[in-house]
Amino acid sequence: MKTQYRAGSRVTMSEEALENYGEEWRGVTLLVDSAATSVKQHRGYDEGVYPCALYDLHREDTGEGLQFSLYDWELKPSGRLPNCGITVREVSGSLSSAIGTESQGKSSQ
């Protein structure tokens, strides 16, 4: 079964998960360790939610493993680029500005 995230994916908790686990998790980047879609793969898996996956994760900043697992709907992509501390939105904004400036410069020549 193909899962939404694979080992090494950077994710954060969804709004629904934050309501359950607390605001202290807001903005915390998590890394996926493993994904399960059956009880054979993870003893805590609820087969009533198949084909959604259950993920084991750890914190990117401390390396500490979470003491609980999260399902697909409790996660979202982190939006942070690896090892550089900036968001995808910041990069795309910078690129747009650079392209806009370059285009303006070419048209005025």
PDB file of N, CA and C in Angstrom:
ATOM      1  N   MET A   1       0.839  -1.189   0.000  1.00  0.00           N
ATOM      2  CA  MET A   1       0.000   0.000   0.000  1.00  0.00           C
ATOM      3  C   MET A   1       0.874   1.239   0.000  1.00  0.00           C
ATOM      4  N   LYS A   2       0.677   2.128  -0.957  1.00  0.00           N
ATOM      5  CA  LYS A   2       1.415   3.385  -1.013  1.00  0.00           C
ATOM      6  C   LYS A   2       0.866   4.312   0.066  1.00  0.00           C
ATOM      7  N   THR A   3       1.771   4.934   0.809  1.00  0.00           N
ATOM      8  CA  THR A   3       1.364   5.843   1.877  1.00  0.00           C
ATOM      9  C   THR A   3       1.599   7.290   1.449  1.00  0.00           C
ATOM     10  N   GLN A   4       0.937   8.201   2.124  1.00  0.00           N
ATOM     11  CA  GLN A   4       1.059   9.618   1.799  1.00  0.00           C
ATOM     12  C   GLN A   4       2.471  10.131   2.074  1.00  0.00           C
ATOM     13  N   TYR A   5       3.092   9.662   3.147  1.00  0.00           N
ATOM     14  CA  TYR A   5       4.446  10.066   3.518  1.00  0.00           C
ATOM     15  C   TYR A   5       5.318   8.827   3.616  1.00  0.00           C
ATOM     16  N   ARG A   6       6.598   8.993   3.376  1.00  0.00           N
ATOM     17  CA  ARG A   6       7.525   7.869   3.488  1.00  0.00           C
ATOM     18  C   ARG A   6       8.593   8.203   4.523  1.00  0.00           C
ATOM     19  N   ALA A   7       9.394   7.230   4.895  1.00  0.00           N
ATOM     20  CA  ALA A   7      10.448   7.437   5.882  1.00  0.00           C
ATOM     21  C   ALA A   7      11.313   8.617   5.464  1.00  0.00           C
ATOM     22  N   GLY A   8      11.561   9.519   6.400  1.00  0.00           N
ATOM     23  CA  GLY A   8      12.364  10.698   6.141  1.00  0.00           C
ATOM     24  C   GLY A   8      11.572  11.932   5.759  1.00  0.00           C
ATOM     25  N   SER A   9      10.271  11.782   5.459  1.00  0.00           N
ATOM     26  CA  SER A   9       9.443  12.942   5.103  1.00  0.00           C
ATOM     27  C   SER A   9       9.358  13.908   6.280  1.00  0.00           C
ATOM     28  N   ARG A  10       9.401  15.200   5.972  1.00  0.00           N
ATOM     29  CA  ARG A  10       9.256  16.247   6.991  1.00  0.00           C
ATOM     30  C   ARG A  10       7.787  16.646   7.048  1.00  0.00           C
ATOM     31  N   VAL A  11       7.218  16.597   8.240  1.00  0.00           N
ATOM     32  CA  VAL A  11       5.810  16.910   8.439  1.00  0.00           C
ATOM     33  C   VAL A  11       5.628  17.728   9.713  1.00  0.00           C
ATOM     34  N   THR A  12       4.451  18.313   9.849  1.00  0.00           N
ATOM     35  CA  THR A  12       4.033  18.941  11.100  1.00  0.00           C
ATOM     36  C   THR A  12       2.625  18.440  11.403  1.00  0.00           C
ATOM     37  N   MET A  13       2.160  18.726  12.599  1.00  0.00           N
ATOM     38  CA  MET A  13       0.815  18.297  12.973  1.00  0.00           C
ATOM     39  C   MET A  13      -0.239  19.192  12.332  1.00  0.00           C
ATOM     40  N   SER A  14      -1.347  18.574  11.928  1.00  0.00           N
ATOM     41  CA  SER A  14      -2.488  19.318  11.384  1.00  0.00           C
ATOM     42  C   SER A  14      -3.197  20.049  12.526  1.00  0.00           C
ATOM     43  N   GLU A  15      -4.108  20.940  12.156  1.00  0.00           N
ATOM     44  CA  GLU A  15      -4.891  21.661  13.168  1.00  0.00           C
ATOM     45  C   GLU A  15      -5.638  20.682  14.077  1.00  0.00           C
ATOM     46  N   GLU A  16      -6.189  19.627  13.482  1.00  0.00           N
ATOM     47  CA  GLU A  16      -6.915  18.623  14.271  1.00  0.00           C
ATOM     48  C   GLU A  16      -6.002  17.961  15.302  1.00  0.00           C
ATOM     49  N   ALA A  17      -4.803  17.626  14.898  1.00  0.00           N
ATOM     50  CA  ALA A  17      -3.849  17.002  15.820  1.00  0.00           C
ATOM     51  C   ALA A  17      -3.444  17.976  16.922  1.00  0.00           C
ATOM     52  N   LEU A  18      -3.253  19.249  16.562  1.00  0.00           N
ATOM     53  CA  LEU A  18      -2.883  20.247  17.572  1.00  0.00           C
ATOM     54  C   LEU A  18      -3.968  20.380  18.630  1.00  0.00           C
ATOM     55  N   GLU A  19      -5.241  20.260  18.212  1.00  0.00           N
ATOM     56  CA  GLU A  19      -6.340  20.301  19.180  1.00  0.00           C
ATOM     57  C   GLU A  19      -6.238  19.147  20.165  1.00  0.00           C
ATOM     58  N   ASN A  20      -5.776  17.991  19.698  1.00  0.00           N
ATOM     59  CA  ASN A  20      -5.658  16.806  20.555  1.00  0.00           C
ATOM     60  C   ASN A  20      -4.380  16.777  21.384  1.00  0.00           C
ATOM     61  N   TYR A  21      -3.266  17.201  20.795  1.00  0.00           N
ATOM     62  CA  TYR A  21      -1.964  17.035  21.443  1.00  0.00           C
ATOM     63  C   TYR A  21      -1.398  18.315  22.043  1.00  0.00           C
ATOM     64  N   GLY A  22      -1.947  19.476  21.677  1.00  0.00           N
ATOM     65  CA  GLY A  22      -1.539  20.723  22.304  1.00  0.00           C
ATOM     66  C   GLY A  22      -0.742  21.654  21.410  1.00  0.00           C
ATOM     67  N   GLU A  23      -0.840  22.929  21.720  1.00  0.00           N
ATOM     68  CA  GLU A  23      -0.182  23.987  20.958  1.00  0.00           C
ATOM     69  C   GLU A  23       1.336  23.903  21.005  1.00  0.00           C
ATOM     70  N   GLU A  24       1.890  23.221  21.993  1.00  0.00           N
ATOM     71  CA  GLU A  24       3.361  23.127  22.062  1.00  0.00           C
ATOM     72  C   GLU A  24       3.945  22.396  20.853  1.00  0.00           C
ATOM     73  N   TRP A  25       3.087  21.710  20.097  1.00  0.00           N
ATOM     74  CA  TRP A  25       3.530  20.999  18.893  1.00  0.00           C
ATOM     75  C   TRP A  25       3.435  21.856  17.636  1.00  0.00           C
ATOM     76  N   ARG A  26       2.833  23.047  17.728  1.00  0.00           N
ATOM     77  CA  ARG A  26       2.689  23.906  16.548  1.00  0.00           C
ATOM     78  C   ARG A  26       4.074  24.296  16.020  1.00  0.00           C
ATOM     79  N   GLY A  27       4.266  24.069  14.731  1.00  0.00           N
ATOM     80  CA  GLY A  27       5.523  24.439  14.091  1.00  0.00           C
ATOM     81  C   GLY A  27       6.687  23.490  14.324  1.00  0.00           C
ATOM     82  N   VAL A  28       6.469  22.433  15.103  1.00  0.00           N
ATOM     83  CA  VAL A  28       7.543  21.466  15.355  1.00  0.00           C
ATOM     84  C   VAL A  28       7.648  20.544  14.140  1.00  0.00           C
ATOM     85  N   THR A  29       8.818  20.508  13.525  1.00  0.00           N
ATOM     86  CA  THR A  29       9.022  19.636  12.372  1.00  0.00           C
ATOM     87  C   THR A  29       9.316  18.224  12.857  1.00  0.00           C
ATOM     88  N   LEU A  30       8.570  17.286  12.296  1.00  0.00           N
ATOM     89  CA  LEU A  30       8.712  15.867  12.636  1.00  0.00           C
ATOM     90  C   LEU A  30       9.211  15.123  11.409  1.00  0.00           C
ATOM     91  N   LEU A  31       9.949  14.064  11.638  1.00  0.00           N
ATOM     92  CA  LEU A  31      10.416  13.200  10.556  1.00  0.00           C
ATOM     93  C   LEU A  31       9.749  11.841  10.686  1.00  0.00           C
ATOM     94  N   VAL A  32       9.281  11.315   9.573  1.00  0.00           N
ATOM     95  CA  VAL A  32       8.626  10.009   9.560  1.00  0.00           C
ATOM     96  C   VAL A  32       9.682   8.915   9.683  1.00  0.00           C
ATOM     97  N   ASP A  33       9.462   8.010  10.634  1.00  0.00           N
ATOM     98  CA  ASP A  33      10.331   6.835  10.798  1.00  0.00           C
ATOM     99  C   ASP A  33       9.777   5.651  10.021  1.00  0.00           C
ATOM    100  N   SER A  34       8.458   5.456  10.130  1.00  0.00           N
ATOM    101  CA  SER A  34       7.824   4.329   9.447  1.00  0.00           C
ATOM    102  C   SER A  34       6.335   4.602   9.272  1.00  0.00           C
ATOM    103  N   ALA A  35       5.737   3.860   8.346  1.00  0.00           N
ATOM    104  CA  ALA A  35       4.309   3.981   8.063  1.00  0.00           C
ATOM    105  C   ALA A  35       3.698   2.583   8.058  1.00  0.00           C
ATOM    106  N   ALA A  36       2.489   2.474   8.600  1.00  0.00           N
ATOM    107  CA  ALA A  36       1.800   1.183   8.656  1.00  0.00           C
ATOM    108  C   ALA A  36       0.384   1.317   8.148  1.00  0.00           C
ATOM    109  N   THR A  37      -0.076   0.283   7.435  1.00  0.00           N
ATOM    110  CA  THR A  37      -1.463   0.251   6.966  1.00  0.00           C
ATOM    111  C   THR A  37      -2.135  -1.058   7.366  1.00  0.00           C
ATOM    112  N   SER A  38      -1.597  -1.703   8.396  1.00  0.00           N
ATOM    113  CA  SER A  38      -2.207  -2.932   8.913  1.00  0.00           C
ATOM    114  C   SER A  38      -1.727  -3.189  10.340  1.00  0.00           C
ATOM    115  N   VAL A  39      -2.464  -4.031  11.055  1.00  0.00           N
ATOM    116  CA  VAL A  39      -2.077  -4.415  12.414  1.00  0.00           C
ATOM    117  C   VAL A  39      -0.777  -5.223  12.382  1.00  0.00           C
ATOM    118  N   LYS A  40      -0.529  -5.958  11.293  1.00  0.00           N
ATOM    119  CA  LYS A  40       0.727  -6.700  11.164  1.00  0.00           C
ATOM    120  C   LYS A  40       1.932  -5.766  11.173  1.00  0.00           C
ATOM    121  N   GLN A  41       1.741  -4.579  10.592  1.00  0.00           N
ATOM    122  CA  GLN A  41       2.839  -3.608  10.517  1.00  0.00           C
ATOM    123  C   GLN A  41       2.969  -2.761  11.778  1.00  0.00           C
ATOM    124  N   HIS A  42       1.858  -2.556  12.492  1.00  0.00           N
ATOM    125  CA  HIS A  42       1.863  -1.716  13.704  1.00  0.00           C
ATOM    126  C   HIS A  42       0.721  -2.180  14.594  1.00  0.00           C
ATOM    127  N   ARG A  43       1.031  -2.605  15.789  1.00  0.00           N
ATOM    128  CA  ARG A  43      -0.011  -3.169  16.673  1.00  0.00           C
ATOM    129  C   ARG A  43      -1.086  -2.155  17.065  1.00  0.00           C
ATOM    130  N   GLY A  44      -0.795  -0.852  16.935  1.00  0.00           N
ATOM    131  CA  GLY A  44      -1.781   0.169  17.279  1.00  0.00           C
ATOM    132  C   GLY A  44      -2.665   0.600  16.120  1.00  0.00           C
ATOM    133  N   TYR A  45      -2.465  -0.013  14.958  1.00  0.00           N
ATOM    134  CA  TYR A  45      -3.217   0.392  13.776  1.00  0.00           C
ATOM    135  C   TYR A  45      -4.689   0.030  13.902  1.00  0.00           C
ATOM    136  N   ASP A  46      -5.557   0.974  13.547  1.00  0.00           N
ATOM    137  CA  ASP A  46      -7.003   0.745  13.545  1.00  0.00           C
ATOM    138  C   ASP A  46      -7.412   0.398  12.119  1.00  0.00           C
ATOM    139  N   GLU A  47      -7.752  -0.863  11.868  1.00  0.00           N
ATOM    140  CA  GLU A  47      -8.076  -1.293  10.510  1.00  0.00           C
ATOM    141  C   GLU A  47      -9.347  -0.655   9.963  1.00  0.00           C
ATOM    142  N   GLY A  48     -10.119  -0.013  10.822  1.00  0.00           N
ATOM    143  CA  GLY A  48     -11.314   0.693  10.387  1.00  0.00           C
ATOM    144  C   GLY A  48     -10.999   1.956   9.591  1.00  0.00           C
ATOM    145  N   VAL A  49      -9.750   2.417   9.627  1.00  0.00           N
ATOM    146  CA  VAL A  49      -9.378   3.626   8.886  1.00  0.00           C
ATOM    147  C   VAL A  49      -8.581   3.309   7.620  1.00  0.00           C
ATOM    148  N   TYR A  50      -8.423   2.014   7.309  1.00  0.00           N
ATOM    149  CA  TYR A  50      -7.706   1.633   6.097  1.00  0.00           C
ATOM    150  C   TYR A  50      -8.346   2.324   4.896  1.00  0.00           C
ATOM    151  N   PRO A  51      -7.626   2.892   3.972  1.00  0.00           N
ATOM    152  CA  PRO A  51      -6.199   2.748   3.688  1.00  0.00           C
ATOM    153  C   PRO A  51      -5.301   3.838   4.285  1.00  0.00           C
ATOM    154  N   CYS A  52      -5.804   4.646   5.214  1.00  0.00           N
ATOM    155  CA  CYS A  52      -4.954   5.662   5.841  1.00  0.00           C
ATOM    156  C   CYS A  52      -3.806   4.997   6.590  1.00  0.00           C
ATOM    157  N   ALA A  53      -2.673   5.669   6.596  1.00  0.00           N
ATOM    158  CA  ALA A  53      -1.489   5.124   7.262  1.00  0.00           C
ATOM    159  C   ALA A  53      -1.332   5.700   8.670  1.00  0.00           C
ATOM    160  N   LEU A  54      -0.682   4.908   9.527  1.00  0.00           N
ATOM    161  CA  LEU A  54      -0.305   5.312  10.880  1.00  0.00           C
ATOM    162  C   LEU A  54       1.211   5.453  10.884  1.00  0.00           C
ATOM    163  N   TYR A  55       1.698   6.594  11.363  1.00  0.00           N
ATOM    164  CA  TYR A  55       3.120   6.907  11.286  1.00  0.00           C
ATOM    165  C   TYR A  55       3.788   6.962  12.656  1.00  0.00           C
ATOM    166  N   ASP A  56       4.990   6.421  12.724  1.00  0.00           N
ATOM    167  CA  ASP A  56       5.875   6.630  13.865  1.00  0.00           C
ATOM    168  C   ASP A  56       6.825   7.747  13.443  1.00  0.00           C
ATOM    169  N   LEU A  57       7.088   8.663  14.364  1.00  0.00           N
ATOM    170  CA  LEU A  57       7.831   9.877  14.028  1.00  0.00           C
ATOM    171  C   LEU A  57       8.832  10.245  15.113  1.00  0.00           C
ATOM    172  N   HIS A  58       9.739  11.142  14.764  1.00  0.00           N
ATOM    173  CA  HIS A  58      10.617  11.746  15.762  1.00  0.00           C
ATOM    174  C   HIS A  58      10.795  13.224  15.441  1.00  0.00           C
ATOM    175  N   ARG A  59      11.182  13.987  16.456  1.00  0.00           N
ATOM    176  CA  ARG A  59      11.405  15.422  16.291  1.00  0.00           C
ATOM    177  C   ARG A  59      12.678  15.658  15.507  1.00  0.00           C
ATOM    178  N   GLU A  60      12.620  16.564  14.539  1.00  0.00           N
ATOM    179  CA  GLU A  60      13.816  16.882  13.767  1.00  0.00           C
ATOM    180  C   GLU A  60      14.841  17.626  14.621  1.00  0.00           C
ATOM    181  N   ASP A  61      14.386  18.517  15.505  1.00  0.00           N
ATOM    182  CA  ASP A  61      15.306  19.359  16.271  1.00  0.00           C
ATOM    183  C   ASP A  61      16.066  18.607  17.356  1.00  0.00           C
ATOM    184  N   THR A  62      15.432  17.637  18.010  1.00  0.00           N
ATOM    185  CA  THR A  62      16.086  16.938  19.126  1.00  0.00           C
ATOM    186  C   THR A  62      16.395  15.474  18.826  1.00  0.00           C
ATOM    187  N   GLY A  63      15.747  14.918  17.792  1.00  0.00           N
ATOM    188  CA  GLY A  63      15.925  13.504  17.486  1.00  0.00           C
ATOM    189  C   GLY A  63      15.087  12.589  18.377  1.00  0.00           C
ATOM    190  N   GLU A  64      14.340  13.185  19.303  1.00  0.00           N
ATOM    191  CA  GLU A  64      13.521  12.416  20.243  1.00  0.00           C
ATOM    192  C   GLU A  64      12.327  11.775  19.540  1.00  0.00           C
ATOM    193  N   GLY A  65      12.146  10.470  19.750  1.00  0.00           N
ATOM    194  CA  GLY A  65      11.006   9.763  19.188  1.00  0.00           C
ATOM    195  C   GLY A  65       9.723  10.129  19.903  1.00  0.00           C
ATOM    196  N   LEU A  66       8.635  10.270  19.163  1.00  0.00           N
ATOM    197  CA  LEU A  66       7.343  10.545  19.785  1.00  0.00           C
ATOM    198  C   LEU A  66       6.846   9.302  20.496  1.00  0.00           C
ATOM    199  N   GLN A  67       6.165   9.500  21.595  1.00  0.00           N
ATOM    200  CA  GLN A  67       5.627   8.392  22.380  1.00  0.00           C
ATOM    201  C   GLN A  67       4.246   7.971  21.895  1.00  0.00           C
ATOM    202  N   PHE A  68       3.837   8.518  20.763  1.00  0.00           N
ATOM    203  CA  PHE A  68       2.541   8.202  20.160  1.00  0.00           C
ATOM    204  C   PHE A  68       2.720   8.220  18.653  1.00  0.00           C
ATOM    205  N   SER A  69       1.760   7.640  17.945  1.00  0.00           N
ATOM    206  CA  SER A  69       1.783   7.601  16.482  1.00  0.00           C
ATOM    207  C   SER A  69       0.652   8.475  15.953  1.00  0.00           C
ATOM    208  N   LEU A  70       0.778   8.929  14.713  1.00  0.00           N
ATOM    209  CA  LEU A  70      -0.227   9.796  14.121  1.00  0.00           C
ATOM    210  C   LEU A  70      -0.677   9.253  12.769  1.00  0.00           C
ATOM    211  N   TYR A  71      -1.960   9.482  12.449  1.00  0.00           N
ATOM    212  CA  TYR A  71      -2.524   9.067  11.168  1.00  0.00           C
ATOM    213  C   TYR A  71      -2.363  10.164  10.119  1.00  0.00           C
ATOM    214  N   ASP A  72      -2.616   9.790   8.854  1.00  0.00           N
ATOM    215  CA  ASP A  72      -2.514  10.720   7.721  1.00  0.00           C
ATOM    216  C   ASP A  72      -3.157  12.076   8.008  1.00  0.00           C
ATOM    217  N   TRP A  73      -4.393  12.078   8.473  1.00  0.00           N
ATOM    218  CA  TRP A  73      -5.147  13.316   8.648  1.00  0.00           C
ATOM    219  C   TRP A  73      -4.595  14.179   9.782  1.00  0.00           C
ATOM    220  N   GLU A  74      -3.698  13.621  10.587  1.00  0.00           N
ATOM    221  CA  GLU A  74      -3.108  14.379  11.681  1.00  0.00           C
ATOM    222  C   GLU A  74      -1.787  15.034  11.284  1.00  0.00           C
ATOM    223  N   LEU A  75      -1.389  14.867  10.018  1.00  0.00           N
ATOM    224  CA  LEU A  75      -0.122  15.396   9.530  1.00  0.00           C
ATOM    225  C   LEU A  75      -0.319  16.247   8.296  1.00  0.00           C
ATOM    226  N   LYS A  76       0.635  17.137   8.062  1.00  0.00           N
ATOM    227  CA  LYS A  76       0.682  17.908   6.828  1.00  0.00           C
ATOM    228  C   LYS A  76       2.159  18.140   6.502  1.00  0.00           C
ATOM    229  N   PRO A  77       2.481  18.401   5.241  1.00  0.00           N
ATOM    230  CA  PRO A  77       3.886  18.667   4.891  1.00  0.00           C
ATOM    231  C   PRO A  77       4.395  19.858   5.698  1.00  0.00           C
ATOM    232  N   SER A  78       5.651  19.817   6.087  1.00  0.00           N
ATOM    233  CA  SER A  78       6.181  20.857   6.980  1.00  0.00           C
ATOM    234  C   SER A  78       6.354  22.209   6.317  1.00  0.00           C
ATOM    235  N   GLY A  79       6.612  22.254   5.008  1.00  0.00           N
ATOM    236  CA  GLY A  79       6.846  23.536   4.359  1.00  0.00           C
ATOM    237  C   GLY A  79       8.207  24.123   4.682  1.00  0.00           C
ATOM    238  N   ARG A  80       9.073  23.326   5.330  1.00  0.00           N
ATOM    239  CA  ARG A  80      10.422  23.795   5.641  1.00  0.00           C
ATOM    240  C   ARG A  80      11.410  23.019   4.802  1.00  0.00           C
ATOM    241  N   LEU A  81      12.371  23.738   4.249  1.00  0.00           N
ATOM    242  CA  LEU A  81      13.407  23.086   3.462  1.00  0.00           C
ATOM    243  C   LEU A  81      14.417  22.441   4.403  1.00  0.00           C
ATOM    244  N   PRO A  82      15.011  21.320   4.012  1.00  0.00           N
ATOM    245  CA  PRO A  82      15.933  20.623   4.897  1.00  0.00           C
ATOM    246  C   PRO A  82      17.152  21.455   5.261  1.00  0.00           C
ATOM    247  N   ASN A  83      17.464  21.455   6.548  1.00  0.00           N
ATOM    248  CA  ASN A  83      18.708  22.001   7.095  1.00  0.00           C
ATOM    249  C   ASN A  83      18.999  23.457   6.786  1.00  0.00           C
ATOM    250  N   CYS A  84      18.005  24.262   6.416  1.00  0.00           N
ATOM    251  CA  CYS A  84      18.329  25.656   6.132  1.00  0.00           C
ATOM    252  C   CYS A  84      17.461  26.636   6.914  1.00  0.00           C
ATOM    253  N   GLY A  85      16.408  26.160   7.556  1.00  0.00           N
ATOM    254  CA  GLY A  85      15.621  27.002   8.436  1.00  0.00           C
ATOM    255  C   GLY A  85      14.758  28.058   7.779  1.00  0.00           C
ATOM    256  N   ILE A  86      14.487  27.937   6.480  1.00  0.00           N
ATOM    257  CA  ILE A  86      13.589  28.883   5.832  1.00  0.00           C
ATOM    258  C   ILE A  86      12.411  28.130   5.243  1.00  0.00           C
ATOM    259  N   THR A  87      11.311  28.820   5.077  1.00  0.00           N
ATOM    260  CA  THR A  87      10.121  28.161   4.555  1.00  0.00           C
ATOM    261  C   THR A  87      10.096  28.213   3.038  1.00  0.00           C
ATOM    262  N   VAL A  88       9.326  27.309   2.455  1.00  0.00           N
ATOM    263  CA  VAL A  88       9.147  27.286   1.009  1.00  0.00           C
ATOM    264  C   VAL A  88       8.545  28.609   0.555  1.00  0.00           C
ATOM    265  N   ARG A  89       7.621  29.162   1.312  1.00  0.00           N
ATOM    266  CA  ARG A  89       6.982  30.436   0.975  1.00  0.00           C
ATOM    267  C   ARG A  89       8.032  31.544   0.882  1.00  0.00           C
ATOM    268  N   GLU A  90       8.997  31.570   1.822  1.00  0.00           N
ATOM    269  CA  GLU A  90      10.042  32.588   1.789  1.00  0.00           C
ATOM    270  C   GLU A  90      10.885  32.457   0.525  1.00  0.00           C
ATOM    271  N   VAL A  91      11.204  31.224   0.150  1.00  0.00           N
ATOM    272  CA  VAL A  91      12.013  30.996  -1.045  1.00  0.00           C
ATOM    273  C   VAL A  91      11.252  31.420  -2.283  1.00  0.00           C
ATOM    274  N   SER A  92       9.980  31.011  -2.400  1.00  0.00           N
ATOM    275  CA  SER A  92       9.226  31.359  -3.604  1.00  0.00           C
ATOM    276  C   SER A  92       9.025  32.869  -3.691  1.00  0.00           C
ATOM    277  N   GLY A  93       8.843  33.555  -2.571  1.00  0.00           N
ATOM    278  CA  GLY A  93       8.731  35.008  -2.578  1.00  0.00           C
ATOM    279  C   GLY A  93      10.019  35.662  -3.056  1.00  0.00           C
ATOM    280  N   SER A  94      11.148  35.146  -2.599  1.00  0.00           N
ATOM    281  CA  SER A  94      12.445  35.676  -3.027  1.00  0.00           C
ATOM    282  C   SER A  94      12.658  35.451  -4.506  1.00  0.00           C
ATOM    283  N   LEU A  95      12.288  34.274  -4.992  1.00  0.00           N
ATOM    284  CA  LEU A  95      12.441  33.974  -6.408  1.00  0.00           C
ATOM    285  C   LEU A  95      11.554  34.878  -7.249  1.00  0.00           C
ATOM    286  N   SER A  96      10.330  35.093  -6.796  1.00  0.00           N
ATOM    287  CA  SER A  96       9.413  35.968  -7.531  1.00  0.00           C
ATOM    288  C   SER A  96       9.971  37.378  -7.608  1.00  0.00           C
ATOM    289  N   SER A  97      10.522  37.855  -6.497  1.00  0.00           N
ATOM    290  CA  SER A  97      11.108  39.195  -6.478  1.00  0.00           C
ATOM    291  C   SER A  97      12.294  39.267  -7.423  1.00  0.00           C
ATOM    292  N   ALA A  98      13.141  38.253  -7.392  1.00  0.00           N
ATOM    293  CA  ALA A  98      14.329  38.238  -8.248  1.00  0.00           C
ATOM    294  C   ALA A  98      13.935  38.190  -9.721  1.00  0.00           C
ATOM    295  N   ILE A  99      12.958  37.372 -10.045  1.00  0.00           N
ATOM    296  CA  ILE A  99      12.512  37.252 -11.436  1.00  0.00           C
ATOM    297  C   ILE A  99      11.867  38.561 -11.888  1.00  0.00           C
ATOM    298  N   GLY A 100      11.048  39.161 -11.016  1.00  0.00           N
ATOM    299  CA  GLY A 100      10.400  40.428 -11.335  1.00  0.00           C
ATOM    300  C   GLY A 100      11.431  41.527 -11.568  1.00  0.00           C
ATOM    301  N   THR A 101      12.444  41.586 -10.715  1.00  0.00           N
ATOM    302  CA  THR A 101      13.499  42.591 -10.847  1.00  0.00           C
ATOM    303  C   THR A 101      14.271  42.377 -12.131  1.00  0.00           C
ATOM    304  N   GLU A 102      14.597  41.108 -12.416  1.00  0.00           N
ATOM    305  CA  GLU A 102      15.355  40.780 -13.623  1.00  0.00           C
ATOM    306  C   GLU A 102      14.548  41.154 -14.861  1.00  0.00           C
ATOM    307  N   SER A 103      13.261  40.835 -14.858  1.00  0.00           N
ATOM    308  CA  SER A 103      12.407  41.135 -16.009  1.00  0.00           C
ATOM    309  C   SER A 103      12.322  42.634 -16.236  1.00  0.00           C
ATOM    310  N   GLN A 104      12.186  43.387 -15.152  1.00  0.00           N
ATOM    311  CA  GLN A 104      12.096  44.837 -15.271  1.00  0.00           C
ATOM    312  C   GLN A 104      13.395  45.413 -15.818  1.00  0.00           C
ATOM    313  N   GLY A 105      14.516  44.859 -15.339  1.00  0.00           N
ATOM    314  CA  GLY A 105      15.826  45.315 -15.789  1.00  0.00           C
ATOM    315  C   GLY A 105      16.011  45.082 -17.278  1.00  0.00           C
ATOM    316  N   LYS A 106      15.578  43.941 -17.785  1.00  0.00           N
ATOM    317  CA  LYS A 106      15.735  43.602 -19.208  1.00  0.00           C
ATOM    318  C   LYS A 106      14.855  44.491 -20.074  1.00  0.00           C
ATOM    319  N   SER A 107      13.658  44.787 -19.597  1.00  0.00           N
ATOM    320  CA  SER A 107      12.740  45.574 -20.420  1.00  0.00           C
ATOM    321  C   SER A 107      13.172  47.032 -20.517  1.00  0.00           C
ATOM    322  N   SER A 108      13.925  47.509 -19.534  1.00  0.00           N
ATOM    323  CA  SER A 108      14.343  48.903 -19.563  1.00  0.00           C
ATOM    324  C   SER A 108      15.622  49.099 -20.360  1.00  0.00           C
ATOM    325  N   GLN A 109      16.230  48.019 -20.809  1.00  0.00           N
ATOM    326  CA  GLN A 109      17.487  48.149 -21.575  1.00  0.00           C
ATOM    327  C   GLN A 109      17.242  48.400 -23.016  1.00  0.00           C
TER     328      GLN A 109
END
